[in-house]
Amino acid sequence: MTLLVQHFIDRKAKQLAFYMRSYWQNELPYAELECFLWDTFEEWSLVKNPQSQAYSHKERIFWHVLHQTHYWEEPLIRNDDCIKTQLLMCILCLEGQGLCPLDVVGIRP
């Protein structure tokens, strides 16, 4: 069965939002969030021919959040108001509750 990019993004975006919110609410240790990020990168490798499928705004936001969460150190993700606000705006969009930030350019790994 070929996994479509959009199906992958729809499924993983819900999980990413859940993990980020749980982390910010001190319900999830950073190590589990980090494990989720690595598992997501690994699962992405199972998507066949992603280059033949177009990006959506949701996908760009998803990859932006994933890469930024992986890039920034744990205390900054939790405590830096600028980083946290940007990530939260993206999470709201992934959940269908906020506007799509147009200046976010997430790319596939």
PDB file of N, CA and C in Angstrom:
ATOM      1  N   MET A   1       0.842  -1.184   0.000  1.00  0.00           N
ATOM      2  CA  MET A   1       0.000   0.000   0.000  1.00  0.00           C
ATOM      3  C   MET A   1       0.887   1.246   0.000  1.00  0.00           C
ATOM      4  N   THR A   2       0.622   2.153  -0.886  1.00  0.00           N
ATOM      5  CA  THR A   2       1.378   3.385  -0.964  1.00  0.00           C
ATOM      6  C   THR A   2       0.783   4.401   0.003  1.00  0.00           C
ATOM      7  N   LEU A   3       1.631   4.931   0.848  1.00  0.00           N
ATOM      8  CA  LEU A   3       1.199   5.943   1.799  1.00  0.00           C
ATOM      9  C   LEU A   3       1.311   7.304   1.133  1.00  0.00           C
ATOM     10  N   LEU A   4       0.193   8.010   1.065  1.00  0.00           N
ATOM     11  CA  LEU A   4       0.190   9.335   0.472  1.00  0.00           C
ATOM     12  C   LEU A   4       0.702  10.356   1.476  1.00  0.00           C
ATOM     13  N   VAL A   5       1.381  11.362   0.964  1.00  0.00           N
ATOM     14  CA  VAL A   5       1.937  12.403   1.816  1.00  0.00           C
ATOM     15  C   VAL A   5       0.839  13.023   2.674  1.00  0.00           C
ATOM     16  N   GLN A   6      -0.289  13.375   2.062  1.00  0.00           N
ATOM     17  CA  GLN A   6      -1.338  14.070   2.811  1.00  0.00           C
ATOM     18  C   GLN A   6      -1.903  13.207   3.930  1.00  0.00           C
ATOM     19  N   HIS A   7      -2.037  11.902   3.698  1.00  0.00           N
ATOM     20  CA  HIS A   7      -2.513  11.011   4.766  1.00  0.00           C
ATOM     21  C   HIS A   7      -1.509  10.979   5.912  1.00  0.00           C
ATOM     22  N   PHE A   8      -0.243  10.908   5.574  1.00  0.00           N
ATOM     23  CA  PHE A   8       0.815  10.908   6.586  1.00  0.00           C
ATOM     24  C   PHE A   8       0.762  12.198   7.402  1.00  0.00           C
ATOM     25  N   ILE A   9       0.701  13.330   6.716  1.00  0.00           N
ATOM     26  CA  ILE A   9       0.695  14.632   7.390  1.00  0.00           C
ATOM     27  C   ILE A   9      -0.544  14.782   8.260  1.00  0.00           C
ATOM     28  N   ASP A  10      -1.707  14.409   7.750  1.00  0.00           N
ATOM     29  CA  ASP A  10      -2.940  14.524   8.540  1.00  0.00           C
ATOM     30  C   ASP A  10      -2.845  13.713   9.829  1.00  0.00           C
ATOM     31  N   ARG A  11      -2.333  12.511   9.726  1.00  0.00           N
ATOM     32  CA  ARG A  11      -2.236  11.628  10.897  1.00  0.00           C
ATOM     33  C   ARG A  11      -1.191  12.142  11.883  1.00  0.00           C
ATOM     34  N   LYS A  12      -0.026  12.487  11.368  1.00  0.00           N
ATOM     35  CA  LYS A  12       1.072  12.885  12.246  1.00  0.00           C
ATOM     36  C   LYS A  12       0.881  14.299  12.810  1.00  0.00           C
ATOM     37  N   ALA A  13       0.176  15.171  12.101  1.00  0.00           N
ATOM     38  CA  ALA A  13      -0.056  16.533  12.601  1.00  0.00           C
ATOM     39  C   ALA A  13      -0.873  16.498  13.890  1.00  0.00           C
ATOM     40  N   LYS A  14      -1.873  15.633  13.943  1.00  0.00           N
ATOM     41  CA  LYS A  14      -2.672  15.490  15.170  1.00  0.00           C
ATOM     42  C   LYS A  14      -1.795  15.011  16.319  1.00  0.00           C
ATOM     43  N   GLN A  15      -0.939  14.058  16.027  1.00  0.00           N
ATOM     44  CA  GLN A  15      -0.046  13.531  17.058  1.00  0.00           C
ATOM     45  C   GLN A  15       0.967  14.588  17.500  1.00  0.00           C
ATOM     46  N   LEU A  16       1.517  15.320  16.546  1.00  0.00           N
ATOM     47  CA  LEU A  16       2.490  16.360  16.871  1.00  0.00           C
ATOM     48  C   LEU A  16       1.862  17.413  17.782  1.00  0.00           C
ATOM     49  N   ALA A  17       0.657  17.840  17.458  1.00  0.00           N
ATOM     50  CA  ALA A  17      -0.039  18.824  18.291  1.00  0.00           C
ATOM     51  C   ALA A  17      -0.248  18.280  19.702  1.00  0.00           C
ATOM     52  N   PHE A  18      -0.668  17.030  19.803  1.00  0.00           N
ATOM     53  CA  PHE A  18      -0.879  16.399  21.106  1.00  0.00           C
ATOM     54  C   PHE A  18       0.424  16.354  21.906  1.00  0.00           C
ATOM     55  N   TYR A  19       1.503  15.921  21.280  1.00  0.00           N
ATOM     56  CA  TYR A  19       2.790  15.820  21.967  1.00  0.00           C
ATOM     57  C   TYR A  19       3.300  17.190  22.412  1.00  0.00           C
ATOM     58  N   MET A  20       3.180  18.194  21.559  1.00  0.00           N
ATOM     59  CA  MET A  20       3.655  19.529  21.919  1.00  0.00           C
ATOM     60  C   MET A  20       2.853  20.091  23.088  1.00  0.00           C
ATOM     61  N   ARG A  21       1.545  19.976  23.022  1.00  0.00           N
ATOM     62  CA  ARG A  21       0.699  20.489  24.115  1.00  0.00           C
ATOM     63  C   ARG A  21       0.989  19.746  25.421  1.00  0.00           C
ATOM     64  N   SER A  22       1.123  18.444  25.334  1.00  0.00           N
ATOM     65  CA  SER A  22       1.418  17.650  26.534  1.00  0.00           C
ATOM     66  C   SER A  22       2.760  18.058  27.136  1.00  0.00           C
ATOM     67  N   TYR A  23       3.724  18.306  26.281  1.00  0.00           N
ATOM     68  CA  TYR A  23       5.042  18.740  26.751  1.00  0.00           C
ATOM     69  C   TYR A  23       4.940  20.098  27.451  1.00  0.00           C
ATOM     70  N   TRP A  24       4.273  21.059  26.820  1.00  0.00           N
ATOM     71  CA  TRP A  24       4.152  22.392  27.407  1.00  0.00           C
ATOM     72  C   TRP A  24       3.366  22.376  28.715  1.00  0.00           C
ATOM     73  N   GLN A  25       2.467  21.407  28.869  1.00  0.00           N
ATOM     74  CA  GLN A  25       1.664  21.305  30.093  1.00  0.00           C
ATOM     75  C   GLN A  25       2.341  20.420  31.145  1.00  0.00           C
ATOM     76  N   ASN A  26       3.606  20.100  30.922  1.00  0.00           N
ATOM     77  CA  ASN A  26       4.392  19.269  31.848  1.00  0.00           C
ATOM     78  C   ASN A  26       3.789  17.881  32.062  1.00  0.00           C
ATOM     79  N   GLU A  27       3.096  17.373  31.062  1.00  0.00           N
ATOM     80  CA  GLU A  27       2.513  16.036  31.127  1.00  0.00           C
ATOM     81  C   GLU A  27       3.357  15.015  30.368  1.00  0.00           C
ATOM     82  N   LEU A  28       4.389  15.494  29.684  1.00  0.00           N
ATOM     83  CA  LEU A  28       5.221  14.636  28.849  1.00  0.00           C
ATOM     84  C   LEU A  28       6.675  15.072  28.988  1.00  0.00           C
ATOM     85  N   PRO A  29       7.568  14.156  29.328  1.00  0.00           N
ATOM     86  CA  PRO A  29       8.982  14.538  29.408  1.00  0.00           C
ATOM     87  C   PRO A  29       9.551  14.811  28.016  1.00  0.00           C
ATOM     88  N   TYR A  30      10.569  15.656  27.981  1.00  0.00           N
ATOM     89  CA  TYR A  30      11.193  16.018  26.712  1.00  0.00           C
ATOM     90  C   TYR A  30      11.702  14.786  25.970  1.00  0.00           C
ATOM     91  N   ALA A  31      12.205  13.796  26.698  1.00  0.00           N
ATOM     92  CA  ALA A  31      12.737  12.581  26.057  1.00  0.00           C
ATOM     93  C   ALA A  31      11.668  11.887  25.216  1.00  0.00           C
ATOM     94  N   GLU A  32      10.420  11.897  25.671  1.00  0.00           N
ATOM     95  CA  GLU A  32       9.342  11.272  24.891  1.00  0.00           C
ATOM     96  C   GLU A  32       8.994  12.101  23.664  1.00  0.00           C
ATOM     97  N   LEU A  33       9.026  13.418  23.809  1.00  0.00           N
ATOM     98  CA  LEU A  33       8.798  14.288  22.655  1.00  0.00           C
ATOM     99  C   LEU A  33       9.877  14.047  21.609  1.00  0.00           C
ATOM    100  N   GLU A  34      11.116  13.979  22.057  1.00  0.00           N
ATOM    101  CA  GLU A  34      12.238  13.741  21.147  1.00  0.00           C
ATOM    102  C   GLU A  34      12.112  12.377  20.460  1.00  0.00           C
ATOM    103  N   CYS A  35      11.684  11.380  21.193  1.00  0.00           N
ATOM    104  CA  CYS A  35      11.477  10.043  20.619  1.00  0.00           C
ATOM    105  C   CYS A  35      10.404  10.091  19.531  1.00  0.00           C
ATOM    106  N   PHE A  36       9.320  10.834  19.791  1.00  0.00           N
ATOM    107  CA  PHE A  36       8.271  10.996  18.787  1.00  0.00           C
ATOM    108  C   PHE A  36       8.836  11.638  17.518  1.00  0.00           C
ATOM    109  N   LEU A  37       9.672  12.658  17.677  1.00  0.00           N
ATOM    110  CA  LEU A  37      10.260  13.330  16.513  1.00  0.00           C
ATOM    111  C   LEU A  37      11.067  12.351  15.676  1.00  0.00           C
ATOM    112  N   TRP A  38      11.927  11.569  16.327  1.00  0.00           N
ATOM    113  CA  TRP A  38      12.750  10.603  15.596  1.00  0.00           C
ATOM    114  C   TRP A  38      11.895   9.516  14.948  1.00  0.00           C
ATOM    115  N   ASP A  39      10.867   9.051  15.655  1.00  0.00           N
ATOM    116  CA  ASP A  39       9.963   8.048  15.077  1.00  0.00           C
ATOM    117  C   ASP A  39       9.264   8.596  13.840  1.00  0.00           C
ATOM    118  N   THR A  40       8.898   9.871  13.886  1.00  0.00           N
ATOM    119  CA  THR A  40       8.227  10.495  12.743  1.00  0.00           C
ATOM    120  C   THR A  40       9.166  10.574  11.545  1.00  0.00           C
ATOM    121  N   PHE A  41      10.414  10.962  11.775  1.00  0.00           N
ATOM    122  CA  PHE A  41      11.396  10.979  10.684  1.00  0.00           C
ATOM    123  C   PHE A  41      11.561   9.577  10.096  1.00  0.00           C
ATOM    124  N   GLU A  42      11.601   8.580  10.957  1.00  0.00           N
ATOM    125  CA  GLU A  42      11.744   7.197  10.486  1.00  0.00           C
ATOM    126  C   GLU A  42      10.521   6.756   9.684  1.00  0.00           C
ATOM    127  N   GLU A  43       9.323   7.067  10.174  1.00  0.00           N
ATOM    128  CA  GLU A  43       8.100   6.705   9.446  1.00  0.00           C
ATOM    129  C   GLU A  43       8.035   7.406   8.091  1.00  0.00           C
ATOM    130  N   TRP A  44       8.548   8.634   8.022  1.00  0.00           N
ATOM    131  CA  TRP A  44       8.544   9.374   6.763  1.00  0.00           C
ATOM    132  C   TRP A  44       9.293   8.601   5.682  1.00  0.00           C
ATOM    133  N   SER A  45      10.307   7.858   6.077  1.00  0.00           N
ATOM    134  CA  SER A  45      11.090   7.097   5.101  1.00  0.00           C
ATOM    135  C   SER A  45      10.260   6.009   4.424  1.00  0.00           C
ATOM    136  N   LEU A  46       9.099   5.684   4.983  1.00  0.00           N
ATOM    137  CA  LEU A  46       8.218   4.672   4.393  1.00  0.00           C
ATOM    138  C   LEU A  46       7.285   5.247   3.329  1.00  0.00           C
ATOM    139  N   VAL A  47       7.206   6.573   3.244  1.00  0.00           N
ATOM    140  CA  VAL A  47       6.350   7.210   2.240  1.00  0.00           C
ATOM    141  C   VAL A  47       7.017   7.056   0.881  1.00  0.00           C
ATOM    142  N   LYS A  48       6.282   6.508  -0.068  1.00  0.00           N
ATOM    143  CA  LYS A  48       6.827   6.253  -1.405  1.00  0.00           C
ATOM    144  C   LYS A  48       6.658   7.470  -2.310  1.00  0.00           C
ATOM    145  N   ASN A  49       7.720   7.820  -3.003  1.00  0.00           N
ATOM    146  CA  ASN A  49       7.727   8.898  -3.998  1.00  0.00           C
ATOM    147  C   ASN A  49       7.131  10.213  -3.490  1.00  0.00           C
ATOM    148  N   PRO A  50       7.589  10.704  -2.338  1.00  0.00           N
ATOM    149  CA  PRO A  50       7.010  11.956  -1.846  1.00  0.00           C
ATOM    150  C   PRO A  50       7.289  13.140  -2.765  1.00  0.00           C
ATOM    151  N   GLN A  51       8.390  13.073  -3.521  1.00  0.00           N
ATOM    152  CA  GLN A  51       8.736  14.184  -4.412  1.00  0.00           C
ATOM    153  C   GLN A  51       7.725  14.366  -5.538  1.00  0.00           C
ATOM    154  N   SER A  52       6.923  13.344  -5.818  1.00  0.00           N
ATOM    155  CA  SER A  52       5.920  13.461  -6.879  1.00  0.00           C
ATOM    156  C   SER A  52       4.598  14.025  -6.358  1.00  0.00           C
ATOM    157  N   GLN A  53       4.526  14.271  -5.045  1.00  0.00           N
ATOM    158  CA  GLN A  53       3.307  14.795  -4.440  1.00  0.00           C
ATOM    159  C   GLN A  53       3.559  16.225  -3.958  1.00  0.00           C
ATOM    160  N   ALA A  54       2.641  17.110  -4.275  1.00  0.00           N
ATOM    161  CA  ALA A  54       2.814  18.531  -3.966  1.00  0.00           C
ATOM    162  C   ALA A  54       2.696  18.810  -2.467  1.00  0.00           C
ATOM    163  N   TYR A  55       3.385  19.863  -2.039  1.00  0.00           N
ATOM    164  CA  TYR A  55       3.274  20.351  -0.664  1.00  0.00           C
ATOM    165  C   TYR A  55       1.931  21.041  -0.462  1.00  0.00           C
ATOM    166  N   SER A  56       1.388  20.948   0.735  1.00  0.00           N
ATOM    167  CA  SER A  56       0.252  21.774   1.150  1.00  0.00           C
ATOM    168  C   SER A  56       0.772  22.743   2.216  1.00  0.00           C
ATOM    169  N   HIS A  57      -0.009  23.785   2.518  1.00  0.00           N
ATOM    170  CA  HIS A  57       0.387  24.694   3.599  1.00  0.00           C
ATOM    171  C   HIS A  57       0.504  23.927   4.910  1.00  0.00           C
ATOM    172  N   LYS A  58      -0.429  23.012   5.125  1.00  0.00           N
ATOM    173  CA  LYS A  58      -0.409  22.219   6.356  1.00  0.00           C
ATOM    174  C   LYS A  58       0.886  21.422   6.454  1.00  0.00           C
ATOM    175  N   GLU A  59       1.318  20.848   5.348  1.00  0.00           N
ATOM    176  CA  GLU A  59       2.555  20.076   5.374  1.00  0.00           C
ATOM    177  C   GLU A  59       3.751  20.968   5.676  1.00  0.00           C
ATOM    178  N   ARG A  60       3.809  22.157   5.078  1.00  0.00           N
ATOM    179  CA  ARG A  60       4.925  23.070   5.344  1.00  0.00           C
ATOM    180  C   ARG A  60       4.970  23.462   6.826  1.00  0.00           C
ATOM    181  N   ILE A  61       3.811  23.705   7.398  1.00  0.00           N
ATOM    182  CA  ILE A  61       3.741  24.052   8.819  1.00  0.00           C
ATOM    183  C   ILE A  61       4.166  22.861   9.668  1.00  0.00           C
ATOM    184  N   PHE A  62       3.692  21.674   9.313  1.00  0.00           N
ATOM    185  CA  PHE A  62       4.057  20.458  10.037  1.00  0.00           C
ATOM    186  C   PHE A  62       5.573  20.287  10.082  1.00  0.00           C
ATOM    187  N   TRP A  63       6.228  20.357   8.915  1.00  0.00           N
ATOM    188  CA  TRP A  63       7.678  20.167   8.870  1.00  0.00           C
ATOM    189  C   TRP A  63       8.405  21.284   9.602  1.00  0.00           C
ATOM    190  N   HIS A  64       7.872  22.495   9.534  1.00  0.00           N
ATOM    191  CA  HIS A  64       8.485  23.609  10.265  1.00  0.00           C
ATOM    192  C   HIS A  64       8.492  23.313  11.766  1.00  0.00           C
ATOM    193  N   VAL A  65       7.347  22.918  12.304  1.00  0.00           N
ATOM    194  CA  VAL A  65       7.258  22.616  13.737  1.00  0.00           C
ATOM    195  C   VAL A  65       8.190  21.465  14.093  1.00  0.00           C
ATOM    196  N   LEU A  66       8.184  20.430  13.281  1.00  0.00           N
ATOM    197  CA  LEU A  66       9.028  19.267  13.558  1.00  0.00           C
ATOM    198  C   LEU A  66      10.513  19.654  13.565  1.00  0.00           C
ATOM    199  N   HIS A  67      10.943  20.382  12.547  1.00  0.00           N
ATOM    200  CA  HIS A  67      12.355  20.775  12.458  1.00  0.00           C
ATOM    201  C   HIS A  67      12.746  21.748  13.574  1.00  0.00           C
ATOM    202  N   GLN A  68      11.874  22.719  13.860  1.00  0.00           N
ATOM    203  CA  GLN A  68      12.189  23.687  14.913  1.00  0.00           C
ATOM    204  C   GLN A  68      12.251  23.021  16.287  1.00  0.00           C
ATOM    205  N   THR A  69      11.352  22.098  16.533  1.00  0.00           N
ATOM    206  CA  THR A  69      11.351  21.382  17.809  1.00  0.00           C
ATOM    207  C   THR A  69      12.605  20.528  17.933  1.00  0.00           C
ATOM    208  N   HIS A  70      13.039  19.970  16.841  1.00  0.00           N
ATOM    209  CA  HIS A  70      14.265  19.171  16.843  1.00  0.00           C
ATOM    210  C   HIS A  70      15.507  20.067  16.969  1.00  0.00           C
ATOM    211  N   TYR A  71      15.453  21.257  16.382  1.00  0.00           N
ATOM    212  CA  TYR A  71      16.608  22.161  16.339  1.00  0.00           C
ATOM    213  C   TYR A  71      16.876  22.846  17.685  1.00  0.00           C
ATOM    214  N   TRP A  72      15.828  23.448  18.267  1.00  0.00           N
ATOM    215  CA  TRP A  72      16.020  24.237  19.481  1.00  0.00           C
ATOM    216  C   TRP A  72      16.249  23.344  20.691  1.00  0.00           C
ATOM    217  N   GLU A  73      17.047  23.850  21.625  1.00  0.00           N
ATOM    218  CA  GLU A  73      17.303  23.120  22.862  1.00  0.00           C
ATOM    219  C   GLU A  73      16.047  23.110  23.728  1.00  0.00           C
ATOM    220  N   GLU A  74      15.938  22.100  24.535  1.00  0.00           N
ATOM    221  CA  GLU A  74      14.742  21.869  25.344  1.00  0.00           C
ATOM    222  C   GLU A  74      14.307  23.080  26.173  1.00  0.00           C
ATOM    223  N   PRO A  75      15.196  23.768  26.895  1.00  0.00           N
ATOM    224  CA  PRO A  75      14.723  24.913  27.686  1.00  0.00           C
ATOM    225  C   PRO A  75      14.127  26.035  26.834  1.00  0.00           C
ATOM    226  N   LEU A  76      14.634  26.212  25.620  1.00  0.00           N
ATOM    227  CA  LEU A  76      14.106  27.267  24.749  1.00  0.00           C
ATOM    228  C   LEU A  76      12.708  26.931  24.248  1.00  0.00           C
ATOM    229  N   ILE A  77      12.466  25.677  23.927  1.00  0.00           N
ATOM    230  CA  ILE A  77      11.140  25.269  23.448  1.00  0.00           C
ATOM    231  C   ILE A  77      10.097  25.510  24.534  1.00  0.00           C
ATOM    232  N   ARG A  78      10.494  25.283  25.770  1.00  0.00           N
ATOM    233  CA  ARG A  78       9.563  25.429  26.884  1.00  0.00           C
ATOM    234  C   ARG A  78       9.428  26.883  27.345  1.00  0.00           C
ATOM    235  N   ASN A  79      10.531  27.646  27.329  1.00  0.00           N
ATOM    236  CA  ASN A  79      10.538  28.931  28.026  1.00  0.00           C
ATOM    237  C   ASN A  79      10.706  30.175  27.165  1.00  0.00           C
ATOM    238  N   ASP A  80      11.229  30.055  25.959  1.00  0.00           N
ATOM    239  CA  ASP A  80      11.435  31.238  25.122  1.00  0.00           C
ATOM    240  C   ASP A  80      10.098  31.667  24.523  1.00  0.00           C
ATOM    241  N   ASP A  81       9.643  32.865  24.901  1.00  0.00           N
ATOM    242  CA  ASP A  81       8.315  33.319  24.473  1.00  0.00           C
ATOM    243  C   ASP A  81       8.180  33.415  22.959  1.00  0.00           C
ATOM    244  N   CYS A  82       9.218  33.876  22.284  1.00  0.00           N
ATOM    245  CA  CYS A  82       9.157  34.030  20.827  1.00  0.00           C
ATOM    246  C   CYS A  82       9.032  32.670  20.139  1.00  0.00           C
ATOM    247  N   ILE A  83       9.886  31.737  20.519  1.00  0.00           N
ATOM    248  CA  ILE A  83       9.862  30.402  19.913  1.00  0.00           C
ATOM    249  C   ILE A  83       8.553  29.697  20.233  1.00  0.00           C
ATOM    250  N   LYS A  84       8.158  29.747  21.494  1.00  0.00           N
ATOM    251  CA  LYS A  84       6.934  29.057  21.920  1.00  0.00           C
ATOM    252  C   LYS A  84       5.703  29.644  21.228  1.00  0.00           C
ATOM    253  N   THR A  85       5.649  30.973  21.105  1.00  0.00           N
ATOM    254  CA  THR A  85       4.511  31.616  20.445  1.00  0.00           C
ATOM    255  C   THR A  85       4.421  31.202  18.983  1.00  0.00           C
ATOM    256  N   GLN A  86       5.566  31.195  18.293  1.00  0.00           N
ATOM    257  CA  GLN A  86       5.553  30.793  16.884  1.00  0.00           C
ATOM    258  C   GLN A  86       5.100  29.342  16.735  1.00  0.00           C
ATOM    259  N   LEU A  87       5.636  28.465  17.575  1.00  0.00           N
ATOM    260  CA  LEU A  87       5.250  27.054  17.503  1.00  0.00           C
ATOM    261  C   LEU A  87       3.778  26.868  17.846  1.00  0.00           C
ATOM    262  N   LEU A  88       3.295  27.597  18.843  1.00  0.00           N
ATOM    263  CA  LEU A  88       1.887  27.484  19.227  1.00  0.00           C
ATOM    264  C   LEU A  88       0.968  27.953  18.105  1.00  0.00           C
ATOM    265  N   MET A  89       1.333  29.034  17.419  1.00  0.00           N
ATOM    266  CA  MET A  89       0.531  29.497  16.279  1.00  0.00           C
ATOM    267  C   MET A  89       0.454  28.414  15.208  1.00  0.00           C
ATOM    268  N   CYS A  90       1.558  27.748  14.972  1.00  0.00           N
ATOM    269  CA  CYS A  90       1.587  26.671  13.982  1.00  0.00           C
ATOM    270  C   CYS A  90       0.747  25.480  14.442  1.00  0.00           C
ATOM    271  N   ILE A  91       0.831  25.137  15.722  1.00  0.00           N
ATOM    272  CA  ILE A  91       0.038  24.031  16.262  1.00  0.00           C
ATOM    273  C   ILE A  91      -1.448  24.337  16.124  1.00  0.00           C
ATOM    274  N   LEU A  92      -1.845  25.569  16.426  1.00  0.00           N
ATOM    275  CA  LEU A  92      -3.251  25.954  16.267  1.00  0.00           C
ATOM    276  C   LEU A  92      -3.707  25.762  14.827  1.00  0.00           C
ATOM    277  N   CYS A  93      -2.859  26.114  13.891  1.00  0.00           N
ATOM    278  CA  CYS A  93      -3.191  25.926  12.477  1.00  0.00           C
ATOM    279  C   CYS A  93      -3.316  24.445  12.142  1.00  0.00           C
ATOM    280  N   LEU A  94      -2.389  23.633  12.635  1.00  0.00           N
ATOM    281  CA  LEU A  94      -2.457  22.188  12.375  1.00  0.00           C
ATOM    282  C   LEU A  94      -3.736  21.581  12.942  1.00  0.00           C
ATOM    283  N   GLU A  95      -4.229  22.162  14.035  1.00  0.00           N
ATOM    284  CA  GLU A  95      -5.465  21.682  14.660  1.00  0.00           C
ATOM    285  C   GLU A  95      -6.710  22.274  14.007  1.00  0.00           C
ATOM    286  N   GLY A  96      -6.515  23.158  13.033  1.00  0.00           N
ATOM    287  CA  GLY A  96      -7.646  23.784  12.357  1.00  0.00           C
ATOM    288  C   GLY A  96      -8.276  24.905  13.158  1.00  0.00           C
ATOM    289  N   GLN A  97      -7.548  25.452  14.134  1.00  0.00           N
ATOM    290  CA  GLN A  97      -8.089  26.489  15.010  1.00  0.00           C
ATOM    291  C   GLN A  97      -7.462  27.859  14.774  1.00  0.00           C
ATOM    292  N   GLY A  98      -6.481  27.930  13.912  1.00  0.00           N
ATOM    293  CA  GLY A  98      -5.802  29.200  13.697  1.00  0.00           C
ATOM    294  C   GLY A  98      -5.518  29.428  12.230  1.00  0.00           C
ATOM    295  N   LEU A  99      -5.069  30.637  11.940  1.00  0.00           N
ATOM    296  CA  LEU A  99      -4.717  30.981  10.567  1.00  0.00           C
ATOM    297  C   LEU A  99      -3.382  30.352  10.196  1.00  0.00           C
ATOM    298  N   CYS A 100      -3.237  30.089   8.926  1.00  0.00           N
ATOM    299  CA  CYS A 100      -2.009  29.494   8.405  1.00  0.00           C
ATOM    300  C   CYS A 100      -0.947  30.582   8.272  1.00  0.00           C
ATOM    301  N   PRO A 101       0.133  30.499   9.068  1.00  0.00           N
ATOM    302  CA  PRO A 101       1.195  31.498   8.908  1.00  0.00           C
ATOM    303  C   PRO A 101       1.859  31.345   7.539  1.00  0.00           C
ATOM    304  N   LEU A 102       1.880  32.416   6.777  1.00  0.00           N
ATOM    305  CA  LEU A 102       2.402  32.349   5.414  1.00  0.00           C
ATOM    306  C   LEU A 102       3.921  32.429   5.355  1.00  0.00           C
ATOM    307  N   ASP A 103       4.558  32.847   6.443  1.00  0.00           N
ATOM    308  CA  ASP A 103       6.013  32.995   6.437  1.00  0.00           C
ATOM    309  C   ASP A 103       6.735  31.737   6.912  1.00  0.00           C
ATOM    310  N   VAL A 104       6.014  30.643   7.064  1.00  0.00           N
ATOM    311  CA  VAL A 104       6.599  29.381   7.513  1.00  0.00           C
ATOM    312  C   VAL A 104       6.914  28.524   6.297  1.00  0.00           C
ATOM    313  N   VAL A 105       8.172  28.112   6.191  1.00  0.00           N
ATOM    314  CA  VAL A 105       8.589  27.325   5.040  1.00  0.00           C
ATOM    315  C   VAL A 105       9.263  26.050   5.534  1.00  0.00           C
ATOM    316  N   GLY A 106       8.455  25.086   5.950  1.00  0.00           N
ATOM    317  CA  GLY A 106       8.998  23.799   6.349  1.00  0.00           C
ATOM    318  C   GLY A 106       9.247  22.943   5.115  1.00  0.00           C
ATOM    319  N   ILE A 107      10.325  22.181   5.144  1.00  0.00           N
ATOM    320  CA  ILE A 107      10.640  21.314   4.009  1.00  0.00           C
ATOM    321  C   ILE A 107      10.747  19.867   4.476  1.00  0.00           C
ATOM    322  N   ARG A 108      10.552  18.967   3.547  1.00  0.00           N
ATOM    323  CA  ARG A 108      10.642  17.538   3.845  1.00  0.00           C
ATOM    324  C   ARG A 108      12.088  17.159   4.137  1.00  0.00           C
ATOM    325  N   PRO A 109      12.262  16.166   5.012  1.00  0.00           N
ATOM    326  CA  PRO A 109      13.637  15.728   5.302  1.00  0.00           C
ATOM    327  C   PRO A 109      14.282  15.065   4.101  1.00  0.00           C
TER     328      PRO A 109
END
